[in-house]
């Protein structure tokens, strides 16, 4: 059985001397009411989106001069405004202040704690969507102490501040990993790419009993301060709304259901398309030493493959004779794999390339996920 939801991304590159993306017109608005209040339409990942795609409504005062939310805010489900999804306060400078609470669309508690000047303070707790605990930590005088951590299988990996901890950034695609003692880093901590199975360290920091000593790699060293963020504030999806960022595409479907999630590229499609741009440009330079022949070149190719459980592209093939298969394998970065009930699974993907008249239309399409029996 297949869940019939497709995600299609499209862009266009002119490969003579410039690049650009072809995008459809989008109508995204924030409705105003009263003197300085708004109702902002957000998707399930807290990005501004069209009214037809809105799942979350944010009610808040809004400082139009500085484009920021101020005062008390409340996020509710669009289809049931009695269901609160997040609530808290911003000060007059647009910084998070005081107690915050966040819930999943399904209704379960997601996180609760307090902010001071936009930074975590006091006691914080995060939860998985099924209600089981994920992370407990405290912040005092700017120092984060991790007390308890559970993995997605509900196995406790940090107990009373002791254990191995992964400090992941939801934006950069990297994580710090090392040992905690009394809730603070100790010994060597390594910075690795999220989807790198070999866990190759790109940076190392040395700590002694919670005190930073030094860090660096073979290119640079530093000893002024740590570059590690123990718990990134962007772990809370509601922080996306503060940037007033638009969703990557109209009705950008990510979560298929409560139990299934499409594969994705965490930095976003805009960043992903820079790899497409470079790939197509290099392909043309390989194919044609003389640019004058580019306009007469025509090729239409479709490449099929899979995103495996580690985010790698595998089983790439095309029924057309094209060199783009090798180019896709070489240029397209790691994806975040699809999930079924919290476990990574494979998902089929299709790439399309249409060369003609000196330009190339390209895109990718995630195929329907095979439903898993539980």
Protein backbone atom coordinates (compact mmCIF):
# COMPACT_ATOMS: atom_id res chain seq x y z
CA UNK A 1 0.00 0.00 0.00
CA UNK A 2 1.32 3.47 -0.86
CA UNK A 3 0.51 6.79 0.68
CA UNK A 4 -0.33 8.93 -2.33
CA UNK A 5 1.45 12.13 -1.49
CA UNK A 6 4.22 13.43 -3.76
CA UNK A 7 6.64 16.28 -3.21
CA UNK A 8 7.80 17.95 -6.42
CA UNK A 9 10.48 20.60 -6.53
CA UNK A 10 11.24 22.52 -9.72
CA UNK A 11 13.80 25.08 -10.72
CA UNK A 12 15.47 26.42 -13.84
CA UNK A 13 19.04 27.35 -14.67
CA UNK A 14 20.33 29.31 -17.64
CA UNK A 15 23.84 28.05 -18.12
CA UNK A 16 25.33 30.64 -20.45
CA UNK A 17 26.70 33.18 -17.95
CA UNK A 18 24.14 33.45 -15.18
CA UNK A 19 21.86 31.32 -13.00
CA UNK A 20 18.40 31.85 -11.58
CA UNK A 21 15.41 29.97 -10.22
CA UNK A 22 11.98 30.01 -11.80
CA UNK A 23 9.36 30.27 -9.09
CA UNK A 24 5.62 30.61 -9.20
CA UNK A 25 3.91 33.62 -7.69
CA UNK A 26 2.87 33.04 -4.09
CA UNK A 27 0.41 34.96 -1.96
CA UNK A 28 1.49 34.94 1.67
CA UNK A 29 -0.03 37.54 3.98
CA UNK A 30 -0.34 38.29 7.68
CA UNK A 31 -3.79 39.52 8.56
CA UNK A 32 -3.91 42.56 10.80
CA UNK A 33 -6.47 43.39 13.44
CA UNK A 34 -6.66 46.09 16.05
CA UNK A 35 -3.90 48.68 16.35
CA UNK A 36 -0.79 46.49 16.18
CA UNK A 37 -1.83 42.84 16.18
CA UNK A 38 -1.57 40.16 13.50
CA UNK A 39 -2.67 36.63 12.70
CA UNK A 40 0.18 34.85 10.89
CA UNK A 41 -0.40 31.65 8.91
CA UNK A 42 2.32 29.03 9.44
CA UNK A 43 2.98 25.48 8.29
CA UNK A 44 3.74 22.64 10.71
CA UNK A 45 7.40 23.67 10.83
CA UNK A 46 6.54 27.31 11.66
CA UNK A 47 7.36 28.86 8.28
CA UNK A 48 5.02 31.48 6.79
CA UNK A 49 2.83 29.95 4.12
CA UNK A 50 -0.31 30.47 2.04
CA UNK A 51 -3.70 30.49 3.73
CA UNK A 52 -4.64 27.24 1.98
CA UNK A 53 -1.55 25.55 3.44
CA UNK A 54 -1.75 27.04 6.93
CA UNK A 55 -1.82 24.59 9.83
CA UNK A 56 -0.88 26.99 12.64
CA UNK A 57 -2.21 30.47 13.36
CA UNK A 58 -0.09 32.82 15.43
CA UNK A 59 -1.89 35.64 17.26
CA UNK A 60 0.47 38.32 18.51
CA UNK A 61 1.30 41.99 18.57
CA UNK A 62 3.68 42.94 15.79
CA UNK A 63 6.26 45.73 15.53
CA UNK A 64 5.95 46.68 11.86
CA UNK A 65 8.85 49.14 11.97
CA UNK A 66 11.27 46.37 12.97
CA UNK A 67 9.40 43.32 11.62
CA UNK A 68 9.21 41.41 14.90
CA UNK A 69 6.70 39.88 17.26
CA UNK A 70 6.30 41.63 20.63
CA UNK A 71 4.28 40.97 23.76
CA UNK A 72 2.26 37.84 24.40
CA UNK A 73 1.71 35.37 21.57
CA UNK A 74 -0.43 32.29 21.18
CA UNK A 75 -0.21 29.66 18.42
CA UNK A 76 -3.28 27.54 17.73
CA UNK A 77 -4.37 24.89 15.27
CA UNK A 78 -6.09 26.46 12.29
CA UNK A 79 -8.65 23.64 12.11
CA UNK A 80 -9.37 23.85 15.85
CA UNK A 81 -8.48 27.19 17.42
CA UNK A 82 -9.28 25.85 20.89
CA UNK A 83 -6.09 23.73 20.68
CA UNK A 84 -3.02 25.69 21.80
CA UNK A 85 0.27 24.72 20.11
CA UNK A 86 2.61 27.27 21.72
CA UNK A 87 2.43 30.22 24.07
CA UNK A 88 4.88 32.72 25.51
CA UNK A 89 6.07 36.33 25.48
CA UNK A 90 8.47 38.58 23.58
CA UNK A 91 9.85 41.76 25.08
CA UNK A 92 9.76 45.11 23.26
CA UNK A 93 13.02 44.21 21.50
CA UNK A 94 11.44 41.04 20.09
CA UNK A 95 13.41 38.71 22.37
CA UNK A 96 11.86 35.68 24.05
CA UNK A 97 11.21 36.34 27.72
CA UNK A 98 9.58 34.29 30.48
CA UNK A 99 7.80 30.93 30.41
CA UNK A 100 7.27 29.12 27.09
CA UNK A 101 5.34 25.98 26.24
CA UNK A 102 5.14 24.10 22.93
CA UNK A 103 2.90 21.23 21.77
CA UNK A 104 2.89 18.89 18.78
CA UNK A 105 0.08 19.19 16.23
CA UNK A 106 -1.14 15.87 17.58
CA UNK A 107 -1.62 17.53 20.98
CA UNK A 108 1.27 16.08 22.99
CA UNK A 109 3.61 18.28 25.02
CA UNK A 110 6.75 19.13 23.04
CA UNK A 111 8.77 21.37 25.36
CA UNK A 112 8.45 23.66 28.34
CA UNK A 113 10.79 26.06 30.10
CA UNK A 114 11.81 29.71 30.32
CA UNK A 115 13.80 32.27 28.34
CA UNK A 116 15.71 35.36 29.37
CA UNK A 117 16.89 37.78 26.68
CA UNK A 118 16.23 35.12 24.02
CA UNK A 119 18.37 32.45 25.77
CA UNK A 120 17.36 29.35 27.68
CA UNK A 121 17.25 29.82 31.45
CA UNK A 122 16.20 27.64 34.37
CA UNK A 123 14.81 24.14 33.93
CA UNK A 124 13.86 22.82 30.46
CA UNK A 125 12.22 19.56 29.34
CA UNK A 126 11.68 18.22 25.80
CA UNK A 127 9.45 15.28 24.84
CA UNK A 128 8.96 12.94 21.90
CA UNK A 129 5.62 13.02 20.09
CA UNK A 130 4.47 9.83 21.83
CA UNK A 131 4.81 11.61 25.19
CA UNK A 132 8.01 9.93 26.36
CA UNK A 133 10.83 12.17 27.68
CA UNK A 134 13.66 13.23 25.35
CA UNK A 135 15.87 15.76 27.16
CA UNK A 136 16.15 17.53 30.51
CA UNK A 137 18.63 20.32 31.14
CA UNK A 138 19.13 23.44 33.25
CA UNK A 139 20.75 26.78 32.50
CA UNK A 140 22.19 29.03 35.20
CA UNK A 141 24.33 32.12 34.53
CA UNK A 142 24.56 31.10 30.87
CA UNK A 143 25.95 27.63 31.65
CA UNK A 144 23.99 24.64 30.33
CA UNK A 145 23.94 21.44 32.39
CA UNK A 146 22.41 18.36 30.76
CA UNK A 147 20.84 16.05 33.33
CA UNK A 148 18.90 13.33 31.45
CA UNK A 149 18.66 12.19 27.81
CA UNK A 150 16.69 9.40 26.10
CA UNK A 151 17.12 8.21 22.49
CA UNK A 152 14.13 7.62 20.13
CA UNK A 153 13.95 4.01 21.34
CA UNK A 154 13.45 5.35 24.89
CA UNK A 155 16.86 4.12 26.01
CA UNK A 156 18.42 6.45 28.56
CA UNK A 157 21.81 7.62 27.29
CA UNK A 158 22.54 10.27 29.93
CA UNK A 159 21.58 9.64 33.54
CA UNK A 160 21.96 12.34 36.21
CA UNK A 161 24.49 14.19 34.07
CA UNK A 162 26.64 11.18 33.18
CA UNK A 163 26.86 9.58 29.73
CA UNK A 164 27.51 10.24 26.03
CA UNK A 165 25.69 13.24 24.53
CA UNK A 166 25.13 14.50 20.99
CA UNK A 167 24.69 18.28 20.70
CA UNK A 168 22.99 18.64 17.32
CA UNK A 169 22.32 21.84 15.40
CA UNK A 170 19.01 21.59 13.49
CA UNK A 171 20.31 24.11 10.93
CA UNK A 172 23.99 23.40 10.20
CA UNK A 173 23.73 19.62 9.72
CA UNK A 174 26.56 18.99 12.20
CA UNK A 175 26.74 17.74 15.78
CA UNK A 176 29.17 17.70 18.69
CA UNK A 177 29.64 14.38 20.45
CA UNK A 178 31.40 13.50 23.66
CA UNK A 179 31.23 12.50 27.31
CA UNK A 180 29.34 14.33 30.03
CA UNK A 181 30.40 14.39 33.67
CA UNK A 182 28.09 16.17 36.09
CA UNK A 183 26.12 17.37 33.07
CA UNK A 184 29.08 19.20 31.51
CA UNK A 185 31.55 18.26 28.73
CA UNK A 186 34.71 16.42 29.66
CA UNK A 187 37.74 15.27 27.64
CA UNK A 188 37.57 15.45 23.81
CA UNK A 189 34.43 16.45 21.91
CA UNK A 190 34.27 15.97 18.12
CA UNK A 191 32.26 17.87 15.51
CA UNK A 192 30.86 15.54 12.82
CA UNK A 193 28.42 15.75 9.92
CA UNK A 194 24.99 14.33 10.80
CA UNK A 195 24.82 11.83 7.94
CA UNK A 196 28.49 10.78 7.94
CA UNK A 197 28.50 7.08 8.88
CA UNK A 198 32.29 7.15 9.36
CA UNK A 199 31.92 9.95 11.93
CA UNK A 200 34.95 11.81 10.61
CA UNK A 201 35.76 14.68 12.97
CA UNK A 202 36.05 18.11 11.33
CA UNK A 203 36.78 19.89 14.61
CA UNK A 204 37.80 18.81 18.11
CA UNK A 205 37.47 20.59 21.44
CA UNK A 206 39.18 19.60 24.67
CA UNK A 207 37.38 20.08 27.98
CA UNK A 208 38.41 19.43 31.57
CA UNK A 209 35.60 18.87 34.08
CA UNK A 210 33.19 21.22 32.37
CA UNK A 211 35.76 23.90 31.52
CA UNK A 212 36.71 24.61 27.91
CA UNK A 213 40.45 24.35 27.23
CA UNK A 214 41.05 24.57 23.48
CA UNK A 215 39.74 23.54 20.08
CA UNK A 216 40.57 23.33 16.41
CA UNK A 217 41.62 21.16 13.48
CA UNK A 218 44.54 21.02 11.05
CA UNK A 219 43.56 24.43 9.64
CA UNK A 220 42.86 26.51 12.74
CA UNK A 221 43.10 26.43 16.53
CA UNK A 222 41.40 28.53 19.21
CA UNK A 223 41.36 28.86 22.98
CA UNK A 224 39.22 31.97 23.56
CA UNK A 225 35.86 30.20 23.88
CA UNK A 226 34.01 27.06 22.85
CA UNK A 227 32.20 26.95 19.50
CA UNK A 228 29.77 24.32 20.80
CA UNK A 229 26.12 25.02 21.58
CA UNK A 230 24.95 22.41 24.06
CA UNK A 231 21.24 22.83 23.25
CA UNK A 232 20.47 24.98 20.22
CA UNK A 233 17.48 27.36 20.74
CA UNK A 234 16.43 26.46 17.19
CA UNK A 235 15.54 23.01 18.48
CA UNK A 236 12.19 24.71 19.12
CA UNK A 237 10.47 24.93 15.72
CA UNK A 238 8.57 28.04 16.82
CA UNK A 239 11.82 30.02 16.44
CA UNK A 240 11.39 29.75 12.65
CA UNK A 241 8.42 32.09 12.85
CA UNK A 242 10.58 34.84 14.38
CA UNK A 243 12.68 35.02 11.19
CA UNK A 244 9.51 35.59 9.12
CA UNK A 245 10.86 33.00 6.67
CA UNK A 246 8.63 31.58 3.94
CA UNK A 247 8.15 27.85 3.46
CA UNK A 248 10.39 26.43 0.72
CA UNK A 249 7.41 25.83 -1.58
CA UNK A 250 3.67 26.12 -1.69
CA UNK A 251 2.11 23.60 0.69
CA UNK A 252 5.57 22.21 1.41
CA UNK A 253 4.50 18.78 2.62
CA UNK A 254 7.01 17.24 5.00
CA UNK A 255 5.03 15.23 7.51
CA UNK A 256 2.87 12.69 5.76
CA UNK A 257 1.11 11.50 8.86
CA UNK A 258 1.75 11.09 12.53
CA UNK A 259 4.01 8.11 11.77
CA UNK A 260 5.63 8.92 8.40
CA UNK A 261 8.03 11.67 7.33
CA UNK A 262 9.37 12.30 3.84
CA UNK A 263 13.09 12.47 3.20
CA UNK A 264 14.40 16.04 3.17
CA UNK A 265 17.48 18.21 2.85
CA UNK A 266 17.65 20.07 6.22
CA UNK A 267 19.37 23.28 4.98
CA UNK A 268 16.44 23.74 2.57
CA UNK A 269 15.75 23.49 -1.15
CA UNK A 270 17.29 26.88 -1.88
CA UNK A 271 20.65 25.57 -0.68
CA UNK A 272 20.10 22.23 -2.40
CA UNK A 273 19.51 23.95 -5.74
CA UNK A 274 22.97 25.57 -5.56
CA UNK A 275 24.35 22.04 -5.97
CA UNK A 276 22.05 21.50 -8.96
CA UNK A 277 23.27 24.79 -10.46
CA UNK A 278 26.92 23.82 -10.12
CA UNK A 279 26.24 20.30 -11.40
CA UNK A 280 24.51 21.49 -14.57
CA UNK A 281 27.12 24.20 -15.23
CA UNK A 282 29.99 21.72 -14.88
CA UNK A 283 28.17 19.17 -17.05
CA UNK A 284 27.88 21.68 -19.88
CA UNK A 285 31.53 22.64 -19.56
CA UNK A 286 32.47 18.96 -19.80
CA UNK A 287 30.20 18.39 -22.80
CA UNK A 288 31.11 21.54 -24.73
CA UNK A 289 34.49 23.23 -24.91
CA UNK A 290 32.99 25.84 -27.26
CA UNK A 291 29.99 27.68 -25.66
CA UNK A 292 28.50 28.50 -29.07
CA UNK A 293 27.19 24.93 -29.37
CA UNK A 294 25.29 25.07 -26.08
CA UNK A 295 22.11 26.62 -27.47
CA UNK A 296 21.65 23.86 -30.01
CA UNK A 297 22.07 21.14 -27.38
CA UNK A 298 18.94 19.20 -26.44
CA UNK A 299 18.57 16.40 -23.91
CA UNK A 300 15.70 15.17 -21.78
CA UNK A 301 16.64 12.65 -19.12
CA UNK A 302 15.00 11.10 -16.08
CA UNK A 303 17.05 9.46 -13.34
CA UNK A 304 15.53 7.18 -10.74
CA UNK A 305 17.06 6.05 -7.47
CA UNK A 306 16.57 5.76 -3.74
CA UNK A 307 17.53 7.69 -0.63
CA UNK A 308 18.73 4.95 1.69
CA UNK A 309 18.49 4.72 5.48
CA UNK A 310 21.67 6.82 5.86
CA UNK A 311 20.58 9.60 3.47
CA UNK A 312 22.82 8.47 0.58
CA UNK A 313 21.57 8.26 -3.01
CA UNK A 314 21.72 4.66 -4.22
CA UNK A 315 20.60 2.56 -7.21
CA UNK A 316 20.72 5.54 -9.58
CA UNK A 317 19.87 4.68 -13.18
CA UNK A 318 18.38 6.14 -16.34
CA UNK A 319 16.77 4.61 -19.41
CA UNK A 320 18.32 7.39 -21.50
CA UNK A 321 21.99 7.47 -22.43
CA UNK A 322 23.22 10.34 -20.27
CA UNK A 323 26.19 11.37 -18.17
CA UNK A 324 23.88 12.98 -15.62
CA UNK A 325 23.67 9.78 -13.56
CA UNK A 326 27.31 10.13 -12.57
CA UNK A 327 26.87 13.87 -12.03
CA UNK A 328 23.92 13.35 -9.65
CA UNK A 329 25.87 10.74 -7.68
CA UNK A 330 28.82 13.14 -7.42
CA UNK A 331 27.12 16.47 -6.69
CA UNK A 332 23.89 15.89 -4.76
CA UNK A 333 24.58 15.99 -0.97
CA UNK A 334 23.25 13.71 1.75
CA UNK A 335 19.55 13.87 2.55
CA UNK A 336 17.85 13.32 5.88
CA UNK A 337 16.23 9.90 5.31
CA UNK A 338 12.51 9.23 5.40
CA UNK A 339 11.10 7.92 8.67
CA UNK A 340 8.46 5.35 9.53
CA UNK A 341 7.52 5.25 13.20
CA UNK A 342 10.75 7.08 14.01
CA UNK A 343 12.97 4.60 12.11
CA UNK A 344 14.94 5.54 8.94
CA UNK A 345 13.61 3.87 5.80
CA UNK A 346 14.29 4.03 2.07
CA UNK A 347 12.37 6.34 -0.22
CA UNK A 348 12.41 6.44 -3.99
CA UNK A 349 13.36 9.67 -5.74
CA UNK A 350 13.26 10.85 -9.36
CA UNK A 351 15.44 13.55 -10.94
CA UNK A 352 14.55 15.23 -14.23
CA UNK A 353 16.71 17.32 -16.55
CA UNK A 354 15.45 19.07 -19.69
CA UNK A 355 18.19 20.81 -21.72
CA UNK A 356 17.21 23.06 -24.60
CA UNK A 357 17.56 26.59 -26.01
CA UNK A 358 20.56 27.35 -23.82
CA UNK A 359 18.88 26.50 -20.53
CA UNK A 360 18.07 23.56 -18.32
CA UNK A 361 14.90 22.84 -16.40
CA UNK A 362 15.56 20.47 -13.57
CA UNK A 363 13.79 19.10 -10.54
CA UNK A 364 13.36 16.21 -8.16
CA UNK A 365 10.32 14.32 -6.94
CA UNK A 366 10.02 12.18 -3.83
CA UNK A 367 7.92 9.11 -4.57
CA UNK A 368 5.16 7.80 -2.27
CA UNK A 369 6.43 6.03 0.83
CA UNK A 370 5.73 2.34 1.18
CA UNK A 371 3.59 1.96 4.29
CA UNK A 372 5.14 -0.21 6.98
CA UNK A 373 3.21 -2.86 8.91
CA UNK A 374 3.38 -2.49 12.69
